[in-house]
N, C-alpha and C. Protein backbone atom coordinates (compact mmCIF):
# COMPACT_ATOMS: atom_id res chain seq x y z
N MET A 1 0.82 -1.19 -0.05
CA MET A 1 0.01 -0.02 0.02
C MET A 1 0.99 1.23 -0.05
N SER A 2 0.66 2.19 -0.86
CA SER A 2 1.49 3.36 -0.98
C SER A 2 1.20 4.24 0.21
N GLU A 3 2.17 5.13 0.41
CA GLU A 3 2.00 6.12 1.62
C GLU A 3 0.70 6.97 1.41
N SER A 4 0.53 7.44 0.18
CA SER A 4 -0.63 8.31 -0.03
C SER A 4 -2.04 7.66 0.15
N SER A 5 -2.06 6.24 -0.19
CA SER A 5 -3.30 5.60 -0.02
C SER A 5 -3.68 5.21 1.38
N ARG A 6 -2.68 5.35 2.33
CA ARG A 6 -2.90 4.92 3.67
C ARG A 6 -3.84 6.09 4.38
N HIS A 7 -3.89 7.18 3.76
CA HIS A 7 -4.63 8.34 4.34
C HIS A 7 -6.07 8.41 3.76
N LEU A 8 -6.44 7.56 2.83
CA LEU A 8 -7.72 7.58 2.25
C LEU A 8 -8.60 6.81 3.15
N PRO A 9 -9.83 7.44 3.47
CA PRO A 9 -10.77 6.89 4.41
C PRO A 9 -11.16 5.44 4.21
N GLU A 10 -11.21 5.00 3.00
CA GLU A 10 -11.66 3.59 2.82
C GLU A 10 -10.53 2.59 3.25
N TYR A 11 -9.30 3.07 3.56
CA TYR A 11 -8.33 2.17 4.07
C TYR A 11 -8.29 2.17 5.52
N ASN A 12 -8.97 3.02 6.27
CA ASN A 12 -8.91 3.12 7.59
C ASN A 12 -9.87 2.06 8.25
N THR A 13 -9.58 1.58 9.47
CA THR A 13 -10.42 0.67 10.19
C THR A 13 -11.71 1.36 10.64
N PRO A 14 -12.95 0.85 10.36
CA PRO A 14 -14.07 1.55 10.70
C PRO A 14 -14.35 1.52 12.25
N ASN A 15 -14.89 2.51 12.71
CA ASN A 15 -15.29 2.60 14.17
C ASN A 15 -16.56 1.97 14.32
N LEU A 16 -16.51 0.67 14.76
CA LEU A 16 -17.68 -0.16 14.82
C LEU A 16 -18.72 0.40 15.99
N LEU A 17 -18.27 1.27 16.81
CA LEU A 17 -19.10 1.81 17.80
C LEU A 17 -20.14 2.77 17.18
N ASN A 18 -19.88 3.25 15.96
CA ASN A 18 -20.85 3.89 15.17
C ASN A 18 -22.27 3.12 14.99
N LEU A 19 -22.11 1.87 15.11
CA LEU A 19 -23.24 1.04 15.07
C LEU A 19 -24.28 1.34 16.18
N LEU A 20 -23.72 1.80 17.33
CA LEU A 20 -24.57 1.98 18.43
C LEU A 20 -25.12 3.53 18.44
N LEU A 21 -24.86 4.31 17.41
CA LEU A 21 -25.52 5.63 17.23
C LEU A 21 -26.93 5.43 17.06
N PRO A 22 -27.84 6.41 17.57
CA PRO A 22 -29.27 6.23 17.42
C PRO A 22 -29.79 5.91 15.97
N HIS A 23 -29.17 6.56 15.04
CA HIS A 23 -29.60 6.46 13.64
C HIS A 23 -29.31 5.14 13.08
N ASN A 24 -28.49 4.27 13.78
CA ASN A 24 -28.27 2.88 13.37
C ASN A 24 -28.99 1.91 14.33
N ILE A 25 -28.83 2.11 15.64
CA ILE A 25 -29.30 1.08 16.59
C ILE A 25 -30.88 1.09 16.59
N ILE A 26 -31.47 2.24 16.47
CA ILE A 26 -32.92 2.24 16.56
C ILE A 26 -33.58 1.52 15.33
N PRO A 27 -33.11 1.85 14.14
CA PRO A 27 -33.58 1.02 13.04
C PRO A 27 -33.38 -0.47 13.15
N LEU A 28 -32.18 -0.88 13.50
CA LEU A 28 -31.82 -2.23 13.78
C LEU A 28 -32.81 -2.91 14.72
N ALA A 29 -33.11 -2.27 15.78
CA ALA A 29 -34.03 -2.74 16.82
C ALA A 29 -35.43 -2.88 16.28
N VAL A 30 -35.86 -1.85 15.51
CA VAL A 30 -37.33 -1.81 14.97
C VAL A 30 -37.34 -2.92 13.87
N TYR A 31 -36.39 -3.06 13.07
CA TYR A 31 -36.43 -4.17 12.03
C TYR A 31 -36.42 -5.52 12.60
N SER A 32 -35.66 -5.65 13.60
CA SER A 32 -35.59 -6.99 14.49
C SER A 32 -37.00 -7.32 14.99
N LEU A 33 -37.56 -6.28 15.51
CA LEU A 33 -38.92 -6.37 16.12
C LEU A 33 -39.93 -6.84 15.05
N ILE A 34 -39.78 -6.10 13.90
CA ILE A 34 -40.72 -6.38 12.75
C ILE A 34 -40.53 -7.91 12.23
N PHE A 35 -39.37 -8.30 12.12
CA PHE A 35 -39.12 -9.72 11.75
C PHE A 35 -39.64 -10.71 12.88
N GLN A 36 -39.47 -10.34 14.12
CA GLN A 36 -40.03 -11.23 15.18
C GLN A 36 -41.54 -11.28 14.99
N ILE A 37 -42.22 -10.12 14.89
CA ILE A 37 -43.66 -10.15 14.71
C ILE A 37 -44.03 -10.95 13.53
N ALA A 38 -43.39 -10.73 12.34
CA ALA A 38 -43.77 -11.44 11.15
C ALA A 38 -43.50 -13.02 11.34
N ARG A 39 -42.42 -13.38 11.94
CA ARG A 39 -42.08 -14.72 12.28
C ARG A 39 -43.18 -15.38 13.12
N GLN A 40 -43.55 -14.54 14.15
CA GLN A 40 -44.64 -15.13 15.09
C GLN A 40 -46.01 -15.32 14.25
N TYR A 41 -46.27 -14.31 13.42
CA TYR A 41 -47.52 -14.39 12.70
C TYR A 41 -47.60 -15.63 11.68
N VAL A 42 -46.47 -15.79 11.05
CA VAL A 42 -46.26 -16.88 10.14
C VAL A 42 -46.31 -18.27 10.90
N LYS A 43 -45.75 -18.36 12.16
CA LYS A 43 -45.78 -19.56 12.85
C LYS A 43 -47.27 -19.81 13.46
N ASN A 44 -48.04 -18.82 13.53
CA ASN A 44 -49.43 -19.01 14.01
C ASN A 44 -50.47 -19.26 12.88
N LYS A 45 -50.06 -18.89 11.84
CA LYS A 45 -51.05 -18.88 10.60
C LYS A 45 -50.75 -19.74 9.42
N PHE A 46 -49.44 -20.20 9.21
CA PHE A 46 -49.02 -20.89 7.94
C PHE A 46 -48.44 -22.15 8.21
N TRP A 47 -48.76 -23.04 7.46
CA TRP A 47 -48.10 -24.40 7.26
C TRP A 47 -48.30 -25.23 8.58
N LEU A 48 -49.48 -25.05 9.21
CA LEU A 48 -49.86 -25.74 10.37
C LEU A 48 -50.11 -27.21 10.29
N LYS A 49 -50.41 -27.70 9.12
CA LYS A 49 -50.71 -29.10 8.79
C LYS A 49 -49.52 -29.93 8.74
N PHE A 50 -48.25 -29.38 8.67
CA PHE A 50 -47.10 -30.12 8.44
C PHE A 50 -46.49 -30.53 9.78
N ASP A 51 -45.67 -31.65 9.85
CA ASP A 51 -45.11 -32.08 11.05
C ASP A 51 -44.01 -30.95 11.54
N LYS A 52 -43.56 -31.14 12.74
CA LYS A 52 -42.72 -30.11 13.43
C LYS A 52 -41.66 -29.55 12.61
N PHE A 53 -40.70 -30.41 12.16
CA PHE A 53 -39.49 -29.93 11.59
C PHE A 53 -39.94 -29.32 10.11
N LYS A 54 -40.69 -30.09 9.34
CA LYS A 54 -41.13 -29.55 8.04
C LYS A 54 -41.88 -28.28 8.18
N ARG A 55 -42.70 -28.13 9.24
CA ARG A 55 -43.37 -26.85 9.44
C ARG A 55 -42.40 -25.72 9.83
N TYR A 56 -41.46 -26.01 10.65
CA TYR A 56 -40.44 -25.04 10.98
C TYR A 56 -39.73 -24.53 9.76
N ARG A 57 -39.28 -25.51 8.86
CA ARG A 57 -38.60 -25.16 7.67
C ARG A 57 -39.33 -24.28 6.72
N LEU A 58 -40.57 -24.66 6.47
CA LEU A 58 -41.51 -23.89 5.67
C LEU A 58 -41.77 -22.54 6.15
N GLN A 59 -41.95 -22.39 7.46
CA GLN A 59 -42.27 -21.03 7.99
C GLN A 59 -40.91 -20.16 7.99
N ASN A 60 -39.73 -20.85 8.20
CA ASN A 60 -38.48 -20.17 8.13
C ASN A 60 -38.24 -19.60 6.67
N LEU A 61 -38.59 -20.42 5.66
CA LEU A 61 -38.39 -20.11 4.17
C LEU A 61 -39.41 -19.04 3.87
N THR A 62 -40.57 -19.06 4.47
CA THR A 62 -41.62 -17.98 4.26
C THR A 62 -41.02 -16.53 4.63
N ILE A 63 -40.40 -16.57 5.80
CA ILE A 63 -39.82 -15.30 6.23
C ILE A 63 -38.73 -14.82 5.41
N CYS A 64 -37.83 -15.87 4.92
CA CYS A 64 -36.89 -15.68 4.06
C CYS A 64 -37.19 -15.02 2.69
N TRP A 65 -38.33 -15.66 2.35
CA TRP A 65 -38.96 -15.02 1.04
C TRP A 65 -39.42 -13.54 1.20
N VAL A 66 -40.14 -13.34 2.42
CA VAL A 66 -40.51 -11.88 2.67
C VAL A 66 -39.31 -10.95 2.60
N HIS A 67 -38.21 -11.43 3.30
CA HIS A 67 -36.93 -10.62 3.30
C HIS A 67 -36.41 -10.42 1.84
N ALA A 68 -36.44 -11.53 1.03
CA ALA A 68 -36.02 -11.37 -0.29
C ALA A 68 -36.84 -10.39 -1.17
N VAL A 69 -38.16 -10.44 -0.97
CA VAL A 69 -39.03 -9.49 -1.63
C VAL A 69 -38.75 -8.10 -1.28
N VAL A 70 -38.74 -7.74 0.10
CA VAL A 70 -38.60 -6.40 0.49
C VAL A 70 -37.19 -5.90 0.12
N VAL A 71 -36.20 -6.62 0.38
CA VAL A 71 -34.86 -6.07 0.05
C VAL A 71 -34.46 -6.18 -1.46
N GLY A 72 -34.96 -7.23 -2.13
CA GLY A 72 -34.70 -7.39 -3.52
C GLY A 72 -35.37 -6.33 -4.44
N VAL A 73 -36.69 -6.05 -4.16
CA VAL A 73 -37.32 -5.00 -4.89
C VAL A 73 -36.77 -3.69 -4.56
N SER A 74 -36.51 -3.35 -3.34
CA SER A 74 -35.97 -2.13 -2.84
C SER A 74 -34.52 -1.88 -3.46
N ASP A 75 -33.85 -2.86 -3.45
CA ASP A 75 -32.44 -2.79 -4.04
C ASP A 75 -32.50 -2.53 -5.62
N MET A 76 -33.40 -3.14 -6.25
CA MET A 76 -33.65 -3.00 -7.76
C MET A 76 -33.94 -1.47 -7.95
N VAL A 77 -34.95 -0.87 -7.09
CA VAL A 77 -35.25 0.43 -7.21
C VAL A 77 -34.09 1.32 -6.97
N LEU A 78 -33.30 1.11 -6.02
CA LEU A 78 -32.04 1.74 -5.75
C LEU A 78 -31.09 1.76 -6.97
N MET A 79 -30.93 0.64 -7.46
CA MET A 79 -29.96 0.53 -8.55
C MET A 79 -30.57 1.26 -9.88
N PHE A 80 -31.78 1.18 -10.20
CA PHE A 80 -32.26 1.82 -11.24
C PHE A 80 -32.42 3.34 -11.16
N SER A 81 -32.65 3.83 -9.89
CA SER A 81 -32.81 5.14 -9.60
C SER A 81 -31.47 5.93 -9.55
N HIS A 82 -30.36 5.21 -9.40
CA HIS A 82 -29.12 5.82 -9.38
C HIS A 82 -28.01 5.11 -10.21
N PRO A 83 -28.22 5.20 -11.54
CA PRO A 83 -27.41 4.48 -12.54
C PRO A 83 -25.99 4.94 -12.67
N HIS A 84 -25.89 6.21 -12.46
CA HIS A 84 -24.54 6.80 -12.52
C HIS A 84 -23.71 6.36 -11.28
N GLU A 85 -24.37 6.61 -10.11
CA GLU A 85 -23.63 6.37 -8.98
C GLU A 85 -23.15 4.88 -8.71
N ILE A 86 -23.98 4.00 -9.22
CA ILE A 86 -23.76 2.53 -8.96
C ILE A 86 -22.46 2.11 -9.72
N PHE A 87 -22.05 2.90 -10.73
CA PHE A 87 -20.83 2.43 -11.39
C PHE A 87 -19.67 3.40 -11.00
N HIS A 88 -20.00 4.59 -10.61
CA HIS A 88 -18.93 5.61 -10.51
C HIS A 88 -18.68 6.24 -9.11
N ASP A 89 -19.51 5.92 -8.27
CA ASP A 89 -19.41 6.38 -6.81
C ASP A 89 -19.72 5.29 -5.74
N VAL A 90 -19.25 4.16 -5.98
CA VAL A 90 -19.63 3.02 -5.21
C VAL A 90 -19.14 3.19 -3.66
N ILE A 91 -18.01 3.89 -3.48
CA ILE A 91 -17.46 4.01 -2.17
C ILE A 91 -18.03 5.13 -1.34
N ASP A 92 -18.15 6.24 -1.96
CA ASP A 92 -18.47 7.63 -1.26
C ASP A 92 -19.96 7.80 -1.31
N TRP A 93 -20.77 7.35 -2.16
CA TRP A 93 -22.16 7.74 -2.20
C TRP A 93 -22.80 7.27 -0.95
N TYR A 94 -23.60 8.13 -0.32
CA TYR A 94 -24.43 7.65 0.81
C TYR A 94 -25.68 8.32 0.85
N ASP A 95 -26.68 7.61 1.21
CA ASP A 95 -28.10 8.23 1.37
C ASP A 95 -28.76 7.43 2.61
N PRO A 96 -29.26 8.21 3.55
CA PRO A 96 -29.79 7.59 4.79
C PRO A 96 -30.79 6.58 4.50
N ILE A 97 -31.74 6.82 3.52
CA ILE A 97 -32.75 5.82 3.10
C ILE A 97 -32.21 4.54 2.55
N ALA A 98 -31.32 4.66 1.54
CA ALA A 98 -30.61 3.60 0.98
C ALA A 98 -29.83 2.75 1.98
N ALA A 99 -29.32 3.39 3.01
CA ALA A 99 -28.57 2.73 4.15
C ALA A 99 -29.42 1.75 5.01
N GLN A 100 -30.76 1.91 4.78
CA GLN A 100 -31.59 1.08 5.58
C GLN A 100 -31.62 -0.41 5.05
N LEU A 101 -31.34 -0.54 3.71
CA LEU A 101 -31.28 -1.87 3.21
C LEU A 101 -30.40 -2.83 3.85
N PRO A 102 -29.15 -2.43 4.03
CA PRO A 102 -28.16 -3.39 4.76
C PRO A 102 -28.63 -3.54 6.22
N LEU A 103 -29.22 -2.57 6.82
CA LEU A 103 -29.76 -2.70 8.25
C LEU A 103 -30.95 -3.59 8.31
N ILE A 104 -31.80 -3.58 7.27
CA ILE A 104 -32.94 -4.59 7.30
C ILE A 104 -32.30 -5.98 7.22
N SER A 105 -31.39 -6.13 6.35
CA SER A 105 -30.77 -7.54 6.17
C SER A 105 -30.06 -8.05 7.42
N VAL A 106 -29.24 -7.16 8.06
CA VAL A 106 -28.68 -7.50 9.33
C VAL A 106 -29.69 -7.99 10.37
N ALA A 107 -30.92 -7.23 10.48
CA ALA A 107 -31.80 -7.49 11.48
C ALA A 107 -32.38 -8.90 11.01
N TYR A 108 -32.73 -9.17 9.74
CA TYR A 108 -33.19 -10.47 9.30
C TYR A 108 -32.18 -11.57 9.57
N PHE A 109 -30.99 -11.40 9.31
CA PHE A 109 -29.95 -12.44 9.48
C PHE A 109 -29.81 -12.77 11.04
N PHE A 110 -29.98 -11.68 11.94
CA PHE A 110 -29.81 -11.97 13.26
C PHE A 110 -31.07 -12.79 13.70
N GLN A 111 -32.23 -12.45 13.27
CA GLN A 111 -33.45 -13.07 13.71
C GLN A 111 -33.48 -14.52 13.19
N ASP A 112 -32.87 -14.73 11.94
CA ASP A 112 -32.79 -15.98 11.31
C ASP A 112 -31.93 -16.91 12.07
N ALA A 113 -30.74 -16.32 12.48
CA ALA A 113 -29.80 -17.11 13.30
C ALA A 113 -30.35 -17.52 14.71
N VAL A 114 -31.13 -16.70 15.36
CA VAL A 114 -31.77 -16.94 16.60
C VAL A 114 -32.69 -18.10 16.31
N ASP A 115 -33.55 -18.08 15.31
CA ASP A 115 -34.57 -19.04 14.94
C ASP A 115 -33.84 -20.35 14.66
N MET A 116 -32.76 -20.41 13.91
CA MET A 116 -32.01 -21.70 13.66
C MET A 116 -31.55 -22.28 15.00
N LEU A 117 -30.90 -21.47 15.78
CA LEU A 117 -30.43 -22.03 17.03
C LEU A 117 -31.54 -22.56 17.76
N ARG A 118 -32.70 -22.00 17.87
CA ARG A 118 -33.84 -22.47 18.65
C ARG A 118 -34.39 -23.80 18.08
N TYR A 119 -34.35 -24.05 16.79
CA TYR A 119 -35.12 -25.07 16.29
C TYR A 119 -34.34 -26.21 15.56
N GLU A 120 -33.14 -25.82 15.19
CA GLU A 120 -32.42 -26.77 14.30
C GLU A 120 -30.92 -26.66 14.59
N TRP A 121 -30.25 -27.94 14.73
CA TRP A 121 -28.81 -27.80 14.78
C TRP A 121 -28.21 -29.00 14.06
N SER A 122 -27.30 -28.49 13.04
CA SER A 122 -26.74 -29.49 12.16
C SER A 122 -25.53 -28.81 11.54
N SER A 123 -24.78 -29.50 10.64
CA SER A 123 -23.73 -28.95 9.96
C SER A 123 -24.27 -27.82 9.04
N TYR A 124 -25.47 -28.06 8.52
CA TYR A 124 -26.10 -27.01 7.68
C TYR A 124 -26.29 -25.76 8.48
N THR A 125 -26.75 -25.78 9.67
CA THR A 125 -26.92 -24.71 10.51
C THR A 125 -25.66 -24.00 10.79
N LEU A 126 -24.63 -24.67 11.11
CA LEU A 126 -23.31 -24.05 11.27
C LEU A 126 -22.87 -23.30 10.06
N GLU A 127 -22.96 -23.99 8.90
CA GLU A 127 -22.61 -23.27 7.64
C GLU A 127 -23.39 -21.91 7.36
N LEU A 128 -24.76 -22.00 7.72
CA LEU A 128 -25.55 -20.88 7.45
C LEU A 128 -25.29 -19.75 8.62
N LEU A 129 -25.00 -20.20 9.81
CA LEU A 129 -24.55 -19.16 10.75
C LEU A 129 -23.26 -18.47 10.37
N LEU A 130 -22.34 -19.29 9.86
CA LEU A 130 -21.10 -18.59 9.39
C LEU A 130 -21.40 -17.59 8.23
N HIS A 131 -22.22 -18.05 7.25
CA HIS A 131 -22.67 -17.27 6.19
C HIS A 131 -23.33 -15.97 6.75
N HIS A 132 -24.23 -16.07 7.68
CA HIS A 132 -24.99 -15.03 8.17
C HIS A 132 -23.95 -13.95 8.89
N GLY A 133 -23.02 -14.51 9.62
CA GLY A 133 -22.02 -13.73 10.34
C GLY A 133 -21.05 -13.02 9.38
N PHE A 134 -20.65 -13.63 8.32
CA PHE A 134 -19.74 -12.94 7.40
C PHE A 134 -20.48 -11.90 6.65
N THR A 135 -21.69 -12.19 6.28
CA THR A 135 -22.56 -11.25 5.52
C THR A 135 -22.80 -10.05 6.33
N CYS A 136 -23.23 -10.28 7.61
CA CYS A 136 -23.49 -9.08 8.49
C CYS A 136 -22.26 -8.17 8.67
N ALA A 137 -21.10 -8.83 8.77
CA ALA A 137 -19.83 -8.06 8.89
C ALA A 137 -19.73 -7.17 7.75
N ALA A 138 -20.02 -7.54 6.55
CA ALA A 138 -19.89 -6.74 5.38
C ALA A 138 -21.12 -5.62 5.36
N LEU A 139 -22.31 -6.08 5.82
CA LEU A 139 -23.42 -5.16 5.64
C LEU A 139 -23.44 -4.09 6.72
N VAL A 140 -22.68 -4.16 7.73
CA VAL A 140 -22.69 -3.22 8.81
C VAL A 140 -21.65 -1.96 8.41
N LEU A 141 -20.91 -2.22 7.38
CA LEU A 141 -19.96 -1.17 7.07
C LEU A 141 -20.61 0.17 6.65
N PRO A 142 -21.66 0.09 5.80
CA PRO A 142 -22.33 1.47 5.52
C PRO A 142 -22.72 2.21 6.77
N ALA A 143 -23.26 1.44 7.71
CA ALA A 143 -23.74 2.10 8.98
C ALA A 143 -22.53 2.70 9.82
N ALA A 144 -21.52 1.81 9.78
CA ALA A 144 -20.38 2.27 10.69
C ALA A 144 -19.52 3.34 10.02
N THR A 145 -19.49 3.41 8.71
CA THR A 145 -18.64 4.39 8.00
C THR A 145 -19.27 5.50 7.22
N GLY A 146 -20.53 5.36 6.84
CA GLY A 146 -21.13 6.31 5.98
C GLY A 146 -20.72 6.21 4.55
N LYS A 147 -20.11 5.10 4.26
CA LYS A 147 -19.56 4.68 2.90
C LYS A 147 -20.02 3.27 2.46
N PHE A 148 -19.77 2.94 1.29
CA PHE A 148 -19.99 1.60 0.78
C PHE A 148 -21.44 1.17 0.80
N THR A 149 -22.41 2.15 0.81
CA THR A 149 -23.78 1.90 0.79
C THR A 149 -24.12 1.11 -0.65
N LEU A 150 -23.54 1.65 -1.69
CA LEU A 150 -23.80 1.03 -3.03
C LEU A 150 -23.05 -0.37 -3.13
N ALA A 151 -21.85 -0.51 -2.53
CA ALA A 151 -21.26 -1.82 -2.49
C ALA A 151 -22.22 -2.81 -1.73
N ALA A 152 -22.82 -2.48 -0.66
CA ALA A 152 -23.85 -3.34 0.02
C ALA A 152 -24.95 -3.50 -0.99
N GLY A 153 -25.44 -2.50 -1.71
CA GLY A 153 -26.41 -2.66 -2.56
C GLY A 153 -26.13 -3.70 -3.72
N TRP A 154 -24.92 -3.66 -4.30
CA TRP A 154 -24.54 -4.73 -5.16
C TRP A 154 -24.57 -6.14 -4.60
N ALA A 155 -24.15 -6.30 -3.37
CA ALA A 155 -24.16 -7.49 -2.60
C ALA A 155 -25.48 -7.96 -2.42
N LEU A 156 -26.45 -7.02 -2.08
CA LEU A 156 -27.84 -7.39 -1.79
C LEU A 156 -28.55 -7.79 -3.07
N LEU A 157 -28.05 -7.68 -4.22
CA LEU A 157 -28.67 -8.11 -5.54
C LEU A 157 -28.87 -9.59 -5.39
N MET A 158 -28.16 -10.34 -4.59
CA MET A 158 -28.38 -11.79 -4.47
C MET A 158 -29.77 -12.09 -4.07
N GLU A 159 -30.49 -11.14 -3.34
CA GLU A 159 -31.75 -11.30 -2.94
C GLU A 159 -32.71 -11.37 -4.14
N VAL A 160 -32.43 -10.69 -5.14
CA VAL A 160 -33.18 -10.67 -6.43
C VAL A 160 -33.13 -12.06 -7.05
N ASN A 161 -31.90 -12.64 -7.00
CA ASN A 161 -31.71 -14.05 -7.46
C ASN A 161 -32.44 -15.08 -6.61
N ARG A 162 -32.43 -14.81 -5.37
CA ARG A 162 -33.13 -15.70 -4.34
C ARG A 162 -34.67 -15.64 -4.65
N LEU A 163 -35.10 -14.49 -4.99
CA LEU A 163 -36.53 -14.29 -5.02
C LEU A 163 -36.97 -14.94 -6.41
N VAL A 164 -36.22 -14.73 -7.41
CA VAL A 164 -36.45 -15.48 -8.73
C VAL A 164 -36.39 -17.04 -8.61
N LYS A 165 -35.36 -17.48 -7.94
CA LYS A 165 -35.21 -18.86 -7.77
C LYS A 165 -36.44 -19.49 -6.91
N LYS A 166 -36.96 -18.87 -5.93
CA LYS A 166 -37.93 -19.38 -5.15
C LYS A 166 -39.26 -19.47 -5.97
N ASN A 167 -39.38 -18.46 -6.85
CA ASN A 167 -40.70 -18.39 -7.62
C ASN A 167 -40.78 -19.30 -8.82
N THR A 168 -39.49 -19.87 -9.19
CA THR A 168 -39.54 -20.77 -10.29
C THR A 168 -39.51 -22.29 -9.95
N ARG A 169 -39.48 -22.50 -8.69
CA ARG A 169 -39.39 -23.95 -8.27
C ARG A 169 -40.80 -24.39 -8.10
């Protein structure tokens, strides 16, 4: 790394305590609560005729699909509404509304991890928990730095793929 690039903000370690600022922690708490309520609603109303593990899995996938719809559609709107920025200002562009998408996903991944630990333990669970952890580590960067919002948007395009895959099966 050259001497001049060391002073660029994207090469500095982010202050993760910024995640505790009200504009980050309050939305995370609210989104987590929304996912808890949605999960409880699905558990009380959907897939009740299936046995315990299959019911859990179908209910879990329903919440996963809801997350994919919300984030996937919102991310597509973000990408189409900012065509110049998504290619030319990926690091520095920031919008407080757009920054909510990674926070929604972090809240979802947290709730999904809690749900998996409560109802399922297997090598698949461990693999998915690692996936959730590493994904959350990347998705908290916009909240911690005020940068990389569009990079998180690019990463969240996977939800569009997930949405399309679930609807074609």
